[in-house]
PDB file of N, CA and C in Angstrom:
ATOM      1  N   MET A   1     -91.119  57.113  76.639  1.00  0.00           N
ATOM      2  CA  MET A   1     -91.441  55.987  75.782  1.00  0.00           C
ATOM      3  C   MET A   1     -90.190  55.379  75.168  1.00  0.00           C
ATOM      4  N   PHE A   2     -89.119  56.168  75.121  1.00  0.00           N
ATOM      5  CA  PHE A   2     -87.887  55.690  74.500  1.00  0.00           C
ATOM      6  C   PHE A   2     -87.390  54.382  75.109  1.00  0.00           C
ATOM      7  N   VAL A   3     -87.448  54.250  76.439  1.00  0.00           N
ATOM      8  CA  VAL A   3     -86.881  53.063  77.084  1.00  0.00           C
ATOM      9  C   VAL A   3     -87.597  51.784  76.681  1.00  0.00           C
ATOM     10  N   TYR A   4     -88.817  51.887  76.191  1.00  0.00           N
ATOM     11  CA  TYR A   4     -89.527  50.687  75.762  1.00  0.00           C
ATOM     12  C   TYR A   4     -89.042  50.180  74.409  1.00  0.00           C
ATOM     13  N   ILE A   5     -88.433  51.038  73.594  1.00  0.00           N
ATOM     14  CA  ILE A   5     -87.969  50.596  72.280  1.00  0.00           C
ATOM     15  C   ILE A   5     -86.456  50.462  72.201  1.00  0.00           C
ATOM     16  N   HIS A   6     -85.728  51.056  73.154  1.00  0.00           N
ATOM     17  CA  HIS A   6     -84.265  50.967  73.149  1.00  0.00           C
ATOM     18  C   HIS A   6     -83.881  49.539  73.534  1.00  0.00           C
ATOM     19  N   PRO A   7     -83.072  48.857  72.725  1.00  0.00           N
ATOM     20  CA  PRO A   7     -82.834  47.430  72.963  1.00  0.00           C
ATOM     21  C   PRO A   7     -81.822  47.107  74.064  1.00  0.00           C
ATOM     22  N   TYR A   8     -81.149  48.080  74.631  1.00  0.00           N
ATOM     23  CA  TYR A   8     -80.093  47.797  75.602  1.00  0.00           C
ATOM     24  C   TYR A   8     -80.474  48.317  76.980  1.00  0.00           C
ATOM     25  N   LEU A   9     -80.266  47.501  78.018  1.00  0.00           N
ATOM     26  CA  LEU A   9     -80.604  47.919  79.367  1.00  0.00           C
ATOM     27  C   LEU A   9     -79.668  49.013  79.853  1.00  0.00           C
ATOM     28  N   ASP A  10     -78.374  48.908  79.517  1.00  0.00           N
ATOM     29  CA  ASP A  10     -77.449  49.969  79.918  1.00  0.00           C
ATOM     30  C   ASP A  10     -77.526  51.080  78.884  1.00  0.00           C
ATOM     31  N   GLY A  11     -77.460  52.285  79.323  1.00  0.00           N
ATOM     32  CA  GLY A  11     -77.492  53.402  78.390  1.00  0.00           C
ATOM     33  C   GLY A  11     -78.850  54.042  78.237  1.00  0.00           C
ATOM     34  N   ASN A  12     -79.905  53.422  78.744  1.00  0.00           N
ATOM     35  CA  ASN A  12     -81.223  54.037  78.632  1.00  0.00           C
ATOM     36  C   ASN A  12     -81.243  55.412  79.286  1.00  0.00           C
ATOM     37  N   GLY A  13     -80.652  55.520  80.472  1.00  0.00           N
ATOM     38  CA  GLY A  13     -80.632  56.801  81.181  1.00  0.00           C
ATOM     39  C   GLY A  13     -79.867  57.858  80.423  1.00  0.00           C
ATOM     40  N   ARG A  14     -78.696  57.504  79.955  1.00  0.00           N
ATOM     41  CA  ARG A  14     -77.876  58.467  79.199  1.00  0.00           C
ATOM     42  C   ARG A  14     -78.582  58.907  77.931  1.00  0.00           C
ATOM     43  N   MET A  15     -79.099  57.947  77.187  1.00  0.00           N
ATOM     44  CA  MET A  15     -79.765  58.285  75.932  1.00  0.00           C
ATOM     45  C   MET A  15     -81.058  59.041  76.212  1.00  0.00           C
ATOM     46  N   GLY A  16     -81.778  58.638  77.251  1.00  0.00           N
ATOM     47  CA  GLY A  16     -83.015  59.335  77.615  1.00  0.00           C
ATOM     48  C   GLY A  16     -82.743  60.789  77.989  1.00  0.00           C
ATOM     49  N   ARG A  17     -81.678  61.029  78.787  1.00  0.00           N
ATOM     50  CA  ARG A  17     -81.333  62.412  79.158  1.00  0.00           C
ATOM     51  C   ARG A  17     -80.861  63.203  77.946  1.00  0.00           C
ATOM     52  N   PHE A  18     -80.169  62.534  77.012  1.00  0.00           N
ATOM     53  CA  PHE A  18     -79.755  63.221  75.785  1.00  0.00           C
ATOM     54  C   PHE A  18     -80.980  63.643  74.977  1.00  0.00           C
ATOM     55  N   LEU A  19     -81.926  62.734  74.810  1.00  0.00           N
ATOM     56  CA  LEU A  19     -83.142  63.065  74.053  1.00  0.00           C
ATOM     57  C   LEU A  19     -83.951  64.156  74.754  1.00  0.00           C
ATOM     58  N   MET A  20     -84.002  64.097  76.082  1.00  0.00           N
ATOM     59  CA  MET A  20     -84.698  65.134  76.848  1.00  0.00           C
ATOM     60  C   MET A  20     -84.057  66.494  76.571  1.00  0.00           C
ATOM     61  N   ASN A  21     -82.723  66.539  76.611  1.00  0.00           N
ATOM     62  CA  ASN A  21     -82.035  67.797  76.367  1.00  0.00           C
ATOM     63  C   ASN A  21     -82.175  68.256  74.921  1.00  0.00           C
ATOM     64  N   LEU A  22     -82.225  67.334  73.999  1.00  0.00           N
ATOM     65  CA  LEU A  22     -82.469  67.690  72.604  1.00  0.00           C
ATOM     66  C   LEU A  22     -83.823  68.371  72.470  1.00  0.00           C
ATOM     67  N   MET A  23     -84.833  67.830  73.143  1.00  0.00           N
ATOM     68  CA  MET A  23     -86.169  68.441  73.102  1.00  0.00           C
ATOM     69  C   MET A  23     -86.166  69.792  73.811  1.00  0.00           C
ATOM     70  N   PHE A  24     -85.442  69.902  74.916  1.00  0.00           N
ATOM     71  CA  PHE A  24     -85.315  71.205  75.585  1.00  0.00           C
ATOM     72  C   PHE A  24     -84.702  72.224  74.632  1.00  0.00           C
ATOM     73  N   ALA A  25     -83.617  71.839  73.959  1.00  0.00           N
ATOM     74  CA  ALA A  25     -82.921  72.760  73.059  1.00  0.00           C
ATOM     75  C   ALA A  25     -83.825  73.202  71.912  1.00  0.00           C
ATOM     76  N   VAL A  26     -84.574  72.272  71.340  1.00  0.00           N
ATOM     77  CA  VAL A  26     -85.503  72.610  70.261  1.00  0.00           C
ATOM     78  C   VAL A  26     -86.561  73.599  70.750  1.00  0.00           C
ATOM     79  N   GLY A  27     -86.941  73.462  72.017  1.00  0.00           N
ATOM     80  CA  GLY A  27     -87.930  74.362  72.597  1.00  0.00           C
ATOM     81  C   GLY A  27     -87.361  75.683  73.087  1.00  0.00           C
ATOM     82  N   GLY A  28     -86.048  75.870  72.915  1.00  0.00           N
ATOM     83  CA  GLY A  28     -85.420  77.129  73.314  1.00  0.00           C
ATOM     84  C   GLY A  28     -84.922  77.155  74.746  1.00  0.00           C
ATOM     85  N   TYR A  29     -84.892  75.989  75.409  1.00  0.00           N
ATOM     86  CA  TYR A  29     -84.416  75.918  76.790  1.00  0.00           C
ATOM     87  C   TYR A  29     -82.938  75.520  76.812  1.00  0.00           C
ATOM     88  N   ALA A  30     -82.280  75.847  77.917  1.00  0.00           N
ATOM     89  CA  ALA A  30     -80.870  75.506  78.072  1.00  0.00           C
ATOM     90  C   ALA A  30     -80.710  74.007  78.328  1.00  0.00           C
ATOM     91  N   TRP A  31     -79.533  73.490  77.977  1.00  0.00           N
ATOM     92  CA  TRP A  31     -79.159  72.120  78.280  1.00  0.00           C
ATOM     93  C   TRP A  31     -79.233  71.949  79.789  1.00  0.00           C
ATOM     94  N   THR A  32     -79.811  70.870  80.253  1.00  0.00           N
ATOM     95  CA  THR A  32     -80.052  70.672  81.676  1.00  0.00           C
ATOM     96  C   THR A  32     -79.284  69.458  82.182  1.00  0.00           C
ATOM     97  N   VAL A  33     -78.586  69.639  83.289  1.00  0.00           N
ATOM     98  CA  VAL A  33     -77.782  68.580  83.890  1.00  0.00           C
ATOM     99  C   VAL A  33     -78.389  68.213  85.240  1.00  0.00           C
ATOM    100  N   VAL A  34     -78.491  66.915  85.514  1.00  0.00           N
ATOM    101  CA  VAL A  34     -78.953  66.452  86.824  1.00  0.00           C
ATOM    102  C   VAL A  34     -77.724  66.370  87.727  1.00  0.00           C
ATOM    103  N   PRO A  35     -77.629  67.240  88.727  1.00  0.00           N
ATOM    104  CA  PRO A  35     -76.456  67.217  89.609  1.00  0.00           C
ATOM    105  C   PRO A  35     -76.376  65.914  90.410  1.00  0.00           C
ATOM    106  N   VAL A  36     -75.170  65.435  90.609  1.00  0.00           N
ATOM    107  CA  VAL A  36     -74.958  64.211  91.377  1.00  0.00           C
ATOM    108  C   VAL A  36     -75.588  64.341  92.760  1.00  0.00           C
ATOM    109  N   GLN A  37     -75.533  65.523  93.343  1.00  0.00           N
ATOM    110  CA  GLN A  37     -76.075  65.750  94.678  1.00  0.00           C
ATOM    111  C   GLN A  37     -77.591  65.552  94.718  1.00  0.00           C
ATOM    112  N   GLN A  38     -78.249  65.614  93.561  1.00  0.00           N
ATOM    113  CA  GLN A  38     -79.702  65.461  93.502  1.00  0.00           C
ATOM    114  C   GLN A  38     -80.125  64.123  92.898  1.00  0.00           C
ATOM    115  N   ARG A  39     -79.184  63.187  92.826  1.00  0.00           N
ATOM    116  CA  ARG A  39     -79.454  61.894  92.198  1.00  0.00           C
ATOM    117  C   ARG A  39     -80.604  61.160  92.893  1.00  0.00           C
ATOM    118  N   ALA A  40     -80.634  61.146  94.216  1.00  0.00           N
ATOM    119  CA  ALA A  40     -81.685  60.423  94.942  1.00  0.00           C
ATOM    120  C   ALA A  40     -83.068  60.991  94.607  1.00  0.00           C
ATOM    121  N   ALA A  41     -83.175  62.313  94.579  1.00  0.00           N
ATOM    122  CA  ALA A  41     -84.459  62.949  94.243  1.00  0.00           C
ATOM    123  C   ALA A  41     -84.847  62.638  92.799  1.00  0.00           C
ATOM    124  N   TYR A  42     -83.868  62.636  91.896  1.00  0.00           N
ATOM    125  CA  TYR A  42     -84.101  62.313  90.487  1.00  0.00           C
ATOM    126  C   TYR A  42     -84.630  60.879  90.357  1.00  0.00           C
ATOM    127  N   MET A  43     -83.959  59.939  91.040  1.00  0.00           N
ATOM    128  CA  MET A  43     -84.364  58.540  90.962  1.00  0.00           C
ATOM    129  C   MET A  43     -85.755  58.326  91.567  1.00  0.00           C
ATOM    130  N   GLU A  44     -86.056  59.021  92.657  1.00  0.00           N
ATOM    131  CA  GLU A  44     -87.383  58.908  93.267  1.00  0.00           C
ATOM    132  C   GLU A  44     -88.461  59.446  92.326  1.00  0.00           C
ATOM    133  N   ALA A  45     -88.175  60.561  91.674  1.00  0.00           N
ATOM    134  CA  ALA A  45     -89.133  61.137  90.727  1.00  0.00           C
ATOM    135  C   ALA A  45     -89.348  60.199  89.536  1.00  0.00           C
ATOM    136  N   LEU A  46     -88.273  59.573  89.057  1.00  0.00           N
ATOM    137  CA  LEU A  46     -88.399  58.599  87.973  1.00  0.00           C
ATOM    138  C   LEU A  46     -89.224  57.391  88.413  1.00  0.00           C
ATOM    139  N   GLU A  47     -89.010  56.949  89.646  1.00  0.00           N
ATOM    140  CA  GLU A  47     -89.762  55.808  90.170  1.00  0.00           C
ATOM    141  C   GLU A  47     -91.256  56.122  90.234  1.00  0.00           C
ATOM    142  N   GLN A  48     -91.607  57.323  90.678  1.00  0.00           N
ATOM    143  CA  GLN A  48     -93.017  57.720  90.731  1.00  0.00           C
ATOM    144  C   GLN A  48     -93.634  57.685  89.332  1.00  0.00           C
ATOM    145  N   ALA A  49     -92.877  58.167  88.344  1.00  0.00           N
ATOM    146  CA  ALA A  49     -93.376  58.173  86.968  1.00  0.00           C
ATOM    147  C   ALA A  49     -93.496  56.756  86.419  1.00  0.00           C
ATOM    148  N   SER A  50     -92.498  55.937  86.681  1.00  0.00           N
ATOM    149  CA  SER A  50     -92.461  54.594  86.115  1.00  0.00           C
ATOM    150  C   SER A  50     -93.437  53.644  86.802  1.00  0.00           C
ATOM    151  N   ALA A  51     -93.386  53.588  88.118  1.00  0.00           N
ATOM    152  CA  ALA A  51     -94.170  52.598  88.854  1.00  0.00           C
ATOM    153  C   ALA A  51     -95.621  53.018  89.083  1.00  0.00           C
ATOM    154  N   PHE A  52     -95.848  54.325  89.233  1.00  0.00           N
ATOM    155  CA  PHE A  52     -97.184  54.791  89.604  1.00  0.00           C
ATOM    156  C   PHE A  52     -97.836  55.694  88.552  1.00  0.00           C
ATOM    157  N   HIS A  53     -97.162  55.871  87.415  1.00  0.00           N
ATOM    158  CA  HIS A  53     -97.676  56.694  86.319  1.00  0.00           C
ATOM    159  C   HIS A  53     -98.004  58.117  86.776  1.00  0.00           C
ATOM    160  N   ASP A  54     -97.211  58.609  87.713  1.00  0.00           N
ATOM    161  CA  ASP A  54     -97.378  59.969  88.236  1.00  0.00           C
ATOM    162  C   ASP A  54     -96.178  60.794  87.793  1.00  0.00           C
ATOM    163  N   ILE A  55     -96.343  61.552  86.712  1.00  0.00           N
ATOM    164  CA  ILE A  55     -95.214  62.318  86.183  1.00  0.00           C
ATOM    165  C   ILE A  55     -95.032  63.667  86.869  1.00  0.00           C
ATOM    166  N   GLY A  56     -95.949  64.013  87.766  1.00  0.00           N
ATOM    167  CA  GLY A  56     -95.865  65.295  88.455  1.00  0.00           C
ATOM    168  C   GLY A  56     -94.540  65.529  89.154  1.00  0.00           C
ATOM    169  N   PRO A  57     -94.076  64.594  90.009  1.00  0.00           N
ATOM    170  CA  PRO A  57     -92.797  64.806  90.678  1.00  0.00           C
ATOM    171  C   PRO A  57     -91.621  64.946  89.706  1.00  0.00           C
ATOM    172  N   PHE A  58     -91.651  64.196  88.598  1.00  0.00           N
ATOM    173  CA  PHE A  58     -90.566  64.276  87.623  1.00  0.00           C
ATOM    174  C   PHE A  58     -90.575  65.624  86.900  1.00  0.00           C
ATOM    175  N   THR A  59     -91.754  66.080  86.502  1.00  0.00           N
ATOM    176  CA  THR A  59     -91.816  67.377  85.818  1.00  0.00           C
ATOM    177  C   THR A  59     -91.449  68.506  86.776  1.00  0.00           C
ATOM    178  N   ASP A  60     -91.854  68.404  88.038  1.00  0.00           N
ATOM    179  CA  ASP A  60     -91.461  69.413  89.020  1.00  0.00           C
ATOM    180  C   ASP A  60     -89.954  69.417  89.224  1.00  0.00           C
ATOM    181  N   PHE A  61     -89.364  68.223  89.287  1.00  0.00           N
ATOM    182  CA  PHE A  61     -87.916  68.116  89.457  1.00  0.00           C
ATOM    183  C   PHE A  61     -87.189  68.776  88.285  1.00  0.00           C
ATOM    184  N   LEU A  62     -87.605  68.430  87.068  1.00  0.00           N
ATOM    185  CA  LEU A  62     -86.955  69.004  85.880  1.00  0.00           C
ATOM    186  C   LEU A  62     -87.177  70.508  85.796  1.00  0.00           C
ATOM    187  N   ALA A  63     -88.362  70.959  86.135  1.00  0.00           N
ATOM    188  CA  ALA A  63     -88.646  72.395  86.085  1.00  0.00           C
ATOM    189  C   ALA A  63     -87.719  73.155  87.021  1.00  0.00           C
ATOM    190  N   GLY A  64     -87.363  72.534  88.135  1.00  0.00           N
ATOM    191  CA  GLY A  64     -86.439  73.171  89.065  1.00  0.00           C
ATOM    192  C   GLY A  64     -85.020  73.239  88.545  1.00  0.00           C
ATOM    193  N   LEU A  65     -84.682  72.374  87.581  1.00  0.00           N
ATOM    194  CA  LEU A  65     -83.328  72.353  87.032  1.00  0.00           C
ATOM    195  C   LEU A  65     -83.169  73.229  85.794  1.00  0.00           C
ATOM    196  N   VAL A  66     -84.222  73.407  85.053  1.00  0.00           N
ATOM    197  CA  VAL A  66     -84.129  74.133  83.783  1.00  0.00           C
ATOM    198  C   VAL A  66     -83.599  75.546  84.045  1.00  0.00           C
ATOM    199  N   GLY A  67     -82.548  75.876  83.357  1.00  0.00           N
ATOM    200  CA  GLY A  67     -81.968  77.216  83.473  1.00  0.00           C
ATOM    201  C   GLY A  67     -80.894  77.331  84.536  1.00  0.00           C
ATOM    202  N   GLN A  68     -80.731  76.305  85.394  1.00  0.00           N
ATOM    203  CA  GLN A  68     -79.659  76.375  86.371  1.00  0.00           C
ATOM    204  C   GLN A  68     -78.326  76.140  85.676  1.00  0.00           C
ATOM    205  N   VAL A  69     -77.318  76.845  86.123  1.00  0.00           N
ATOM    206  CA  VAL A  69     -75.969  76.648  85.601  1.00  0.00           C
ATOM    207  C   VAL A  69     -75.274  75.660  86.508  1.00  0.00           C
ATOM    208  N   PRO A  70     -74.778  74.528  85.946  1.00  0.00           N
ATOM    209  CA  PRO A  70     -74.101  73.551  86.799  1.00  0.00           C
ATOM    210  C   PRO A  70     -72.830  74.131  87.405  1.00  0.00           C
ATOM    211  N   SER A  71     -72.544  73.739  88.637  1.00  0.00           N
ATOM    212  CA  SER A  71     -71.309  74.203  89.274  1.00  0.00           C
ATOM    213  C   SER A  71     -70.128  73.499  88.631  1.00  0.00           C
ATOM    214  N   PRO A  72     -68.989  74.163  88.566  1.00  0.00           N
ATOM    215  CA  PRO A  72     -67.806  73.557  87.926  1.00  0.00           C
ATOM    216  C   PRO A  72     -67.334  72.336  88.702  1.00  0.00           C
ATOM    217  N   ALA A  73     -66.769  71.393  87.985  1.00  0.00           N
ATOM    218  CA  ALA A  73     -66.216  70.193  88.622  1.00  0.00           C
ATOM    219  C   ALA A  73     -65.007  70.574  89.458  1.00  0.00           C
ATOM    220  N   VAL A  74     -64.903  69.924  90.586  1.00  0.00           N
ATOM    221  CA  VAL A  74     -63.783  70.220  91.492  1.00  0.00           C
ATOM    222  C   VAL A  74     -62.690  69.206  91.310  1.00  0.00           C
TER     223      VAL A  74
END
């Protein structure tokens, strides 16, 4: 719902992921990073949620990331 009230088109993703991680942290979960290698799957899951109101793929995607340790930058 955040993207509907945030007044700027750029930054919605960054702020949305920050708020998501804030909620994860409050719930006792680790900070979660979307790996660049999984960007296409992330965007497809977001599209399903946004265009078709199907949050299942997005929640499945996030559930697969929760608790993973990101690989170090090369």
